[in-house]
Protein backbone atom coordinates (compact mmCIF):
# COMPACT_ATOMS: atom_id res chain seq x y z
CA MET A 1 -77.61 -84.54 121.40
CA LYS A 2 -77.25 -87.84 123.23
CA ASN A 3 -80.58 -89.46 124.27
CA LYS A 4 -81.22 -89.14 127.91
CA ILE A 5 -84.17 -88.97 130.37
CA LEU A 6 -84.36 -85.22 131.32
CA PHE A 7 -86.94 -85.69 134.08
CA PRO A 8 -86.38 -89.20 135.56
CA ASN A 9 -88.80 -88.97 138.47
CA ASP A 10 -91.51 -86.46 137.65
CA SER A 11 -93.70 -85.15 135.03
CA VAL A 12 -92.54 -82.13 133.10
CA ILE A 13 -95.71 -80.06 133.54
CA ILE A 14 -98.92 -80.74 135.43
CA THR A 15 -101.81 -78.37 135.04
CA ARG A 16 -105.44 -78.62 136.07
CA ASN A 17 -106.33 -80.66 132.97
CA PHE A 18 -103.19 -82.03 131.43
CA GLU A 19 -99.90 -83.61 132.17
CA VAL A 20 -96.64 -83.62 130.07
CA SER A 21 -94.11 -86.28 130.68
CA GLN A 22 -91.15 -87.75 128.98
CA ASP A 23 -91.79 -91.15 127.31
CA TRP A 24 -90.26 -93.65 129.63
CA LYS A 25 -90.67 -96.44 127.23
CA PHE A 26 -88.52 -94.55 124.55
CA PRO A 27 -86.50 -92.08 126.51
CA ILE A 28 -85.48 -89.93 123.55
CA THR A 29 -84.51 -86.28 124.21
CA GLY A 30 -87.29 -84.07 123.15
CA PHE A 31 -89.94 -86.89 123.00
CA PHE A 32 -92.74 -85.75 125.30
CA ILE A 33 -96.29 -87.04 125.90
CA LEU A 34 -98.97 -84.50 126.43
CA SER A 35 -102.19 -86.23 127.78
CA PRO A 36 -105.36 -85.03 129.42
CA LYS A 37 -106.04 -86.08 133.00
CA ARG A 38 -109.58 -86.93 132.00
CA LYS A 39 -110.19 -90.11 130.03
CA MET A 40 -111.09 -89.38 126.38
CA CYS A 41 -110.43 -90.75 122.97
CA SER A 42 -110.33 -87.59 120.82
CA ILE A 43 -109.36 -84.02 120.91
CA SER A 44 -113.07 -83.48 119.68
CA GLU A 45 -114.18 -84.30 123.20
CA PHE A 46 -112.32 -81.33 124.78
CA ASN A 47 -114.39 -78.67 126.40
CA ASP A 48 -113.66 -75.01 125.73
CA ASP A 49 -111.36 -74.61 128.74
CA GLU A 50 -109.43 -77.77 127.92
CA THR A 51 -109.04 -76.60 124.27
CA ILE A 52 -107.47 -73.34 125.30
CA GLU A 53 -105.29 -74.86 127.98
CA PHE A 54 -104.20 -77.60 125.51
CA ILE A 55 -102.94 -75.28 122.84
CA MET A 56 -101.25 -72.93 125.25
CA LEU A 57 -99.55 -75.94 126.80
CA LEU A 58 -98.58 -77.40 123.47
CA ARG A 59 -97.09 -73.99 122.47
CA GLU A 60 -95.12 -73.85 125.77
CA VAL A 61 -93.57 -77.39 125.38
CA ARG A 62 -92.73 -76.57 121.71
CA LYS A 63 -91.00 -73.29 122.68
CA GLY A 64 -89.05 -75.25 125.36
CA MET A 65 -88.04 -77.81 122.89
CA LYS A 66 -86.52 -75.01 120.73
CA ASP A 67 -85.18 -72.72 123.48
CA VAL A 68 -83.71 -75.32 125.87
CA LEU A 69 -82.95 -78.30 123.58
CA GLY A 70 -82.29 -76.52 120.35
CA ILE A 71 -84.82 -78.63 118.43
CA GLU A 72 -85.71 -76.84 115.19
CA ASP A 73 -88.14 -79.45 113.61
CA VAL A 74 -90.85 -81.33 115.31
CA TYR A 75 -93.32 -83.93 114.32
CA PHE A 76 -96.53 -84.19 116.35
CA PHE A 77 -98.45 -87.48 116.52
CA GLN A 78 -101.99 -87.63 117.80
CA ASN A 79 -103.03 -90.99 119.19
CA GLU A 80 -106.76 -91.79 119.50
CA ASP A 81 -106.74 -95.59 119.02
CA THR A 82 -104.56 -96.88 121.87
CA GLU A 83 -105.17 -98.34 125.25
CA TYR A 84 -103.64 -95.11 126.77
CA ASN A 85 -106.46 -92.90 125.52
CA PHE A 86 -105.92 -89.62 123.82
CA HIS A 87 -102.40 -88.17 123.82
CA VAL A 88 -100.06 -86.19 121.64
């Protein structure tokens, strides 16, 4: 599949606690960033509501990657040591 920006002007999903967007620096099909709205450094800082919402959202994005884009295998990267705070 040719690399392209799927959502050129918007976030993919915005919830109460999180935002999913396409990586504008590296616009690769299926390369999404899931980040909390609250500034934090680690998943260990999630409260219970954020934890539940995070895993449900991660599952929804992954399902979309398979159902919509046909992506069978995915690698998840969790960053805790960047200037952009925690994100997957």
